[in-house]
């Protein structure tokens, strides 16, 4: 059964503001929420064969996700298509983002 799972492949994986590092966490609660994501190592050698294409969408003014650093790391590890949205913050309602029309276009 494990061999069958290893054979599965999807057409595209879309990552919205993926990150390896975060900045501006302001509370212990935010640190606690982020902790498992920061501490869990991803084996990209095993991940890459399971998708034909990767797309990573970033905002150039995200206050949690350092743009240049994270884009560079994702380029190195997954070689995704990079889409940069301008002045979308962390893609949250607090930042005025309630729809992502570009997401529909790339699907």
N, C-alpha and C. Protein backbone atom coordinates (compact mmCIF):
# COMPACT_ATOMS: atom_id res chain seq x y z
N UNK A 1 0.82 -1.19 0.00
CA UNK A 1 0.00 0.00 0.00
C UNK A 1 0.87 1.26 0.00
N UNK A 2 1.96 1.24 0.74
CA UNK A 2 2.84 2.40 0.82
C UNK A 2 3.41 2.74 -0.56
N UNK A 3 3.70 1.72 -1.38
CA UNK A 3 4.21 1.97 -2.72
C UNK A 3 3.19 2.67 -3.59
N UNK A 4 1.91 2.33 -3.44
CA UNK A 4 0.86 3.00 -4.20
C UNK A 4 0.78 4.47 -3.84
N UNK A 5 0.90 4.79 -2.57
CA UNK A 5 0.85 6.18 -2.13
C UNK A 5 2.01 6.97 -2.71
N UNK A 6 3.16 6.35 -2.81
CA UNK A 6 4.35 7.03 -3.33
C UNK A 6 4.19 7.37 -4.81
N UNK A 7 3.33 6.64 -5.52
CA UNK A 7 3.13 6.86 -6.94
C UNK A 7 2.19 8.03 -7.23
N UNK A 8 1.39 8.47 -6.29
CA UNK A 8 0.40 9.51 -6.53
C UNK A 8 1.06 10.84 -6.85
N UNK A 9 0.46 11.56 -7.82
CA UNK A 9 0.98 12.84 -8.24
C UNK A 9 -0.18 13.77 -8.55
N UNK A 10 -0.07 15.02 -8.14
CA UNK A 10 -1.08 16.01 -8.45
C UNK A 10 -0.54 16.93 -9.53
N UNK A 11 -1.45 17.63 -10.20
CA UNK A 11 -1.05 18.54 -11.27
C UNK A 11 -0.30 19.75 -10.73
N UNK A 12 -0.85 20.39 -9.67
CA UNK A 12 -0.27 21.64 -9.18
C UNK A 12 -0.52 21.78 -7.68
N UNK A 13 0.48 22.30 -6.99
CA UNK A 13 0.35 22.68 -5.59
C UNK A 13 0.54 24.18 -5.52
N UNK A 14 -0.42 24.87 -4.91
CA UNK A 14 -0.36 26.32 -4.77
C UNK A 14 -0.16 26.64 -3.30
N UNK A 15 0.91 27.37 -3.02
CA UNK A 15 1.25 27.77 -1.66
C UNK A 15 1.02 29.27 -1.55
N UNK A 16 0.21 29.67 -0.58
CA UNK A 16 -0.06 31.09 -0.37
C UNK A 16 0.71 31.55 0.85
N UNK A 17 1.58 32.51 0.65
CA UNK A 17 2.56 33.02 1.62
C UNK A 17 3.22 31.90 2.43
N UNK A 18 3.86 30.98 1.71
CA UNK A 18 4.60 29.95 2.45
C UNK A 18 5.83 30.57 3.11
N UNK A 19 6.30 29.95 4.17
CA UNK A 19 7.43 30.56 4.87
C UNK A 19 8.29 29.53 5.56
N UNK A 20 9.55 29.94 5.71
CA UNK A 20 10.51 29.19 6.51
C UNK A 20 10.86 29.98 7.76
N UNK A 21 10.67 31.28 7.69
CA UNK A 21 10.96 32.12 8.85
C UNK A 21 9.87 33.19 8.96
N UNK A 22 9.65 33.62 10.18
CA UNK A 22 8.64 34.64 10.46
C UNK A 22 9.27 35.78 11.24
N UNK A 23 8.66 36.95 11.11
CA UNK A 23 9.07 38.10 11.90
C UNK A 23 7.83 38.72 12.53
N UNK A 24 8.05 39.59 13.46
CA UNK A 24 6.99 40.39 14.08
C UNK A 24 5.91 39.60 14.83
N UNK A 25 6.26 38.42 15.33
CA UNK A 25 5.31 37.73 16.20
C UNK A 25 5.26 38.52 17.50
N UNK A 26 4.06 38.88 17.92
CA UNK A 26 3.94 39.82 19.03
C UNK A 26 3.45 39.20 20.33
N UNK A 27 3.11 37.93 20.31
CA UNK A 27 2.59 37.34 21.54
C UNK A 27 3.06 35.89 21.66
N UNK A 28 2.97 35.37 22.86
CA UNK A 28 3.31 33.96 23.10
C UNK A 28 2.35 33.06 22.33
N UNK A 29 1.10 33.50 22.19
CA UNK A 29 0.10 32.71 21.45
C UNK A 29 0.51 32.58 19.98
N UNK A 30 0.94 33.67 19.36
CA UNK A 30 1.40 33.61 17.97
C UNK A 30 2.62 32.71 17.84
N UNK A 31 3.54 32.81 18.79
CA UNK A 31 4.73 31.95 18.77
C UNK A 31 4.34 30.48 18.91
N UNK A 32 3.37 30.20 19.76
CA UNK A 32 2.90 28.83 19.98
C UNK A 32 2.25 28.27 18.71
N UNK A 33 1.45 29.09 18.03
CA UNK A 33 0.80 28.66 16.80
C UNK A 33 1.84 28.37 15.72
N UNK A 34 2.85 29.21 15.61
CA UNK A 34 3.87 29.06 14.56
C UNK A 34 4.88 27.97 14.87
N UNK A 35 5.06 27.65 16.12
CA UNK A 35 6.11 26.73 16.55
C UNK A 35 6.14 25.40 15.79
N UNK A 36 5.04 24.66 15.67
CA UNK A 36 5.12 23.38 14.95
C UNK A 36 5.54 23.54 13.49
N UNK A 37 5.13 24.63 12.87
CA UNK A 37 5.48 24.87 11.48
C UNK A 37 6.97 25.21 11.35
N UNK A 38 7.50 25.91 12.31
CA UNK A 38 8.91 26.28 12.26
C UNK A 38 9.82 25.11 12.63
N UNK A 39 9.34 24.23 13.48
CA UNK A 39 10.17 23.15 13.99
C UNK A 39 10.11 21.87 13.16
N UNK A 40 9.11 21.73 12.30
CA UNK A 40 8.96 20.53 11.50
C UNK A 40 9.74 20.68 10.19
N UNK A 41 10.69 19.82 9.99
CA UNK A 41 11.50 19.84 8.78
C UNK A 41 10.72 19.19 7.64
N UNK A 42 10.80 19.77 6.46
CA UNK A 42 10.15 19.23 5.27
C UNK A 42 11.23 18.63 4.38
N UNK A 43 11.01 17.40 3.96
CA UNK A 43 11.95 16.74 3.07
C UNK A 43 11.51 17.04 1.63
N UNK A 44 12.08 18.08 1.03
CA UNK A 44 11.67 18.51 -0.30
C UNK A 44 12.03 17.51 -1.38
N UNK A 45 13.02 16.68 -1.14
CA UNK A 45 13.36 15.63 -2.09
C UNK A 45 12.20 14.65 -2.24
N UNK A 46 11.47 14.42 -1.15
CA UNK A 46 10.31 13.53 -1.19
C UNK A 46 9.06 14.25 -1.68
N UNK A 47 8.96 15.54 -1.44
CA UNK A 47 7.78 16.30 -1.82
C UNK A 47 7.73 16.57 -3.32
N UNK A 48 8.84 16.98 -3.89
CA UNK A 48 8.88 17.43 -5.29
C UNK A 48 8.30 16.44 -6.30
N UNK A 49 8.56 15.15 -6.18
CA UNK A 49 8.03 14.23 -7.20
C UNK A 49 6.51 14.08 -7.20
N UNK A 50 5.83 14.61 -6.20
CA UNK A 50 4.39 14.39 -6.08
C UNK A 50 3.54 15.47 -6.74
N UNK A 51 4.16 16.43 -7.38
CA UNK A 51 3.43 17.47 -8.11
C UNK A 51 4.16 17.80 -9.39
N UNK A 52 3.38 18.06 -10.43
CA UNK A 52 3.99 18.46 -11.70
C UNK A 52 4.48 19.89 -11.64
N UNK A 53 3.78 20.72 -10.85
CA UNK A 53 4.15 22.13 -10.77
C UNK A 53 3.84 22.67 -9.38
N UNK A 54 4.68 23.59 -8.93
CA UNK A 54 4.47 24.31 -7.68
C UNK A 54 4.35 25.79 -8.00
N UNK A 55 3.45 26.46 -7.29
CA UNK A 55 3.29 27.90 -7.40
C UNK A 55 3.30 28.45 -5.98
N UNK A 56 4.07 29.50 -5.76
CA UNK A 56 4.12 30.15 -4.44
C UNK A 56 3.71 31.61 -4.63
N UNK A 57 2.73 32.03 -3.84
CA UNK A 57 2.21 33.39 -3.93
C UNK A 57 2.62 34.16 -2.69
N UNK A 58 3.27 35.29 -2.92
CA UNK A 58 3.76 36.13 -1.83
C UNK A 58 3.22 37.54 -1.96
N UNK A 59 3.23 38.25 -0.85
CA UNK A 59 2.97 39.69 -0.84
C UNK A 59 4.29 40.38 -0.56
N UNK A 60 4.55 41.47 -1.26
CA UNK A 60 5.83 42.15 -1.08
C UNK A 60 5.90 43.00 0.19
N UNK A 61 4.79 43.09 0.93
CA UNK A 61 4.84 43.83 2.20
C UNK A 61 4.23 43.03 3.36
N UNK A 62 4.39 41.72 3.30
CA UNK A 62 3.90 40.87 4.40
C UNK A 62 4.72 41.16 5.64
N UNK A 63 4.06 41.50 6.72
CA UNK A 63 4.75 41.87 7.96
C UNK A 63 5.18 40.66 8.78
N UNK A 64 4.73 39.45 8.44
CA UNK A 64 5.16 38.24 9.12
C UNK A 64 6.19 37.45 8.31
N UNK A 65 6.04 37.45 7.00
CA UNK A 65 6.86 36.61 6.14
C UNK A 65 7.87 37.48 5.38
N UNK A 66 9.15 37.42 5.78
CA UNK A 66 10.17 38.21 5.08
C UNK A 66 10.24 37.80 3.60
N UNK A 67 9.87 38.71 2.74
CA UNK A 67 9.68 38.42 1.31
C UNK A 67 10.93 37.85 0.63
N UNK A 68 12.00 38.60 0.59
CA UNK A 68 13.20 38.19 -0.17
C UNK A 68 13.76 36.86 0.32
N UNK A 69 13.86 36.73 1.63
CA UNK A 69 14.43 35.51 2.23
C UNK A 69 13.60 34.27 1.88
N UNK A 70 12.29 34.37 2.04
CA UNK A 70 11.43 33.21 1.79
C UNK A 70 11.32 32.89 0.31
N UNK A 71 11.24 33.89 -0.55
CA UNK A 71 11.21 33.64 -1.99
C UNK A 71 12.49 32.92 -2.41
N UNK A 72 13.63 33.38 -1.94
CA UNK A 72 14.90 32.75 -2.30
C UNK A 72 14.95 31.29 -1.86
N UNK A 73 14.49 31.01 -0.66
CA UNK A 73 14.51 29.62 -0.16
C UNK A 73 13.57 28.72 -0.95
N UNK A 74 12.38 29.22 -1.25
CA UNK A 74 11.45 28.39 -2.03
C UNK A 74 11.96 28.17 -3.45
N UNK A 75 12.58 29.18 -4.05
CA UNK A 75 13.16 28.99 -5.39
C UNK A 75 14.21 27.88 -5.35
N UNK A 76 15.03 27.91 -4.33
CA UNK A 76 16.11 26.93 -4.20
C UNK A 76 15.56 25.51 -3.96
N UNK A 77 14.55 25.38 -3.11
CA UNK A 77 14.09 24.07 -2.68
C UNK A 77 13.01 23.44 -3.55
N UNK A 78 12.15 24.26 -4.18
CA UNK A 78 11.05 23.71 -4.97
C UNK A 78 11.02 24.20 -6.42
N UNK A 79 11.75 25.25 -6.70
CA UNK A 79 11.72 25.86 -8.02
C UNK A 79 10.28 26.15 -8.48
N UNK A 80 9.49 26.83 -7.65
CA UNK A 80 8.10 27.08 -8.03
C UNK A 80 7.97 28.28 -8.95
N UNK A 81 6.81 28.39 -9.57
CA UNK A 81 6.44 29.65 -10.20
C UNK A 81 6.21 30.61 -9.03
N UNK A 82 6.80 31.78 -9.06
CA UNK A 82 6.63 32.76 -8.00
C UNK A 82 5.69 33.86 -8.50
N UNK A 83 4.66 34.11 -7.72
CA UNK A 83 3.75 35.22 -8.02
C UNK A 83 3.84 36.19 -6.86
N UNK A 84 4.09 37.44 -7.17
CA UNK A 84 4.19 38.47 -6.14
C UNK A 84 3.02 39.43 -6.29
N UNK A 85 2.22 39.50 -5.26
CA UNK A 85 1.13 40.46 -5.19
C UNK A 85 1.66 41.67 -4.42
N UNK A 86 1.30 42.85 -4.85
CA UNK A 86 1.82 44.07 -4.24
C UNK A 86 0.87 44.62 -3.18
N UNK A 87 1.47 44.89 -2.02
CA UNK A 87 0.79 45.54 -0.90
C UNK A 87 -0.48 44.80 -0.45
N UNK A 88 -0.36 43.48 -0.27
CA UNK A 88 -1.47 42.65 0.21
C UNK A 88 -1.28 42.22 1.66
N UNK A 89 -0.20 42.71 2.30
CA UNK A 89 0.04 42.34 3.70
C UNK A 89 0.18 40.84 3.84
N UNK A 90 -0.54 40.28 4.79
CA UNK A 90 -0.49 38.83 5.04
C UNK A 90 -1.71 38.13 4.44
N UNK A 91 -2.31 38.75 3.41
CA UNK A 91 -3.47 38.19 2.73
C UNK A 91 -4.62 37.93 3.69
N UNK A 92 -4.82 38.83 4.61
CA UNK A 92 -5.89 38.64 5.59
C UNK A 92 -6.97 39.70 5.42
N UNK A 93 -8.10 39.44 6.01
CA UNK A 93 -9.19 40.42 5.98
C UNK A 93 -8.76 41.73 6.63
N UNK A 94 -7.93 41.63 7.68
CA UNK A 94 -7.40 42.83 8.33
C UNK A 94 -6.59 43.69 7.35
N UNK A 95 -6.02 43.06 6.33
CA UNK A 95 -5.25 43.77 5.33
C UNK A 95 -6.10 44.16 4.12
N UNK A 96 -7.40 43.94 4.23
CA UNK A 96 -8.31 44.29 3.14
C UNK A 96 -8.40 43.25 2.05
N UNK A 97 -7.88 42.07 2.31
CA UNK A 97 -7.91 41.00 1.30
C UNK A 97 -9.04 40.03 1.67
N UNK A 98 -10.08 40.05 0.87
CA UNK A 98 -11.19 39.12 1.10
C UNK A 98 -11.42 38.21 -0.11
N UNK A 99 -10.76 38.55 -1.21
CA UNK A 99 -10.82 37.72 -2.42
C UNK A 99 -9.42 37.66 -3.03
N UNK A 100 -9.15 36.55 -3.68
CA UNK A 100 -7.87 36.38 -4.39
C UNK A 100 -8.16 36.00 -5.85
N UNK A 101 -8.56 36.99 -6.67
CA UNK A 101 -8.90 36.67 -8.06
C UNK A 101 -7.75 36.04 -8.84
N UNK A 102 -6.52 36.37 -8.49
CA UNK A 102 -5.39 35.79 -9.20
C UNK A 102 -5.34 34.28 -8.96
N UNK A 103 -5.85 33.84 -7.84
CA UNK A 103 -5.87 32.41 -7.55
C UNK A 103 -6.76 31.67 -8.55
N UNK A 104 -7.89 32.25 -8.86
CA UNK A 104 -8.79 31.64 -9.86
C UNK A 104 -8.11 31.59 -11.23
N UNK A 105 -7.36 32.63 -11.57
CA UNK A 105 -6.69 32.67 -12.87
C UNK A 105 -5.64 31.55 -12.99
N UNK A 106 -4.92 31.28 -11.92
CA UNK A 106 -3.87 30.26 -12.03
C UNK A 106 -4.38 28.83 -11.88
N UNK A 107 -5.61 28.71 -11.36
CA UNK A 107 -6.20 27.36 -11.28
C UNK A 107 -6.61 26.91 -12.66
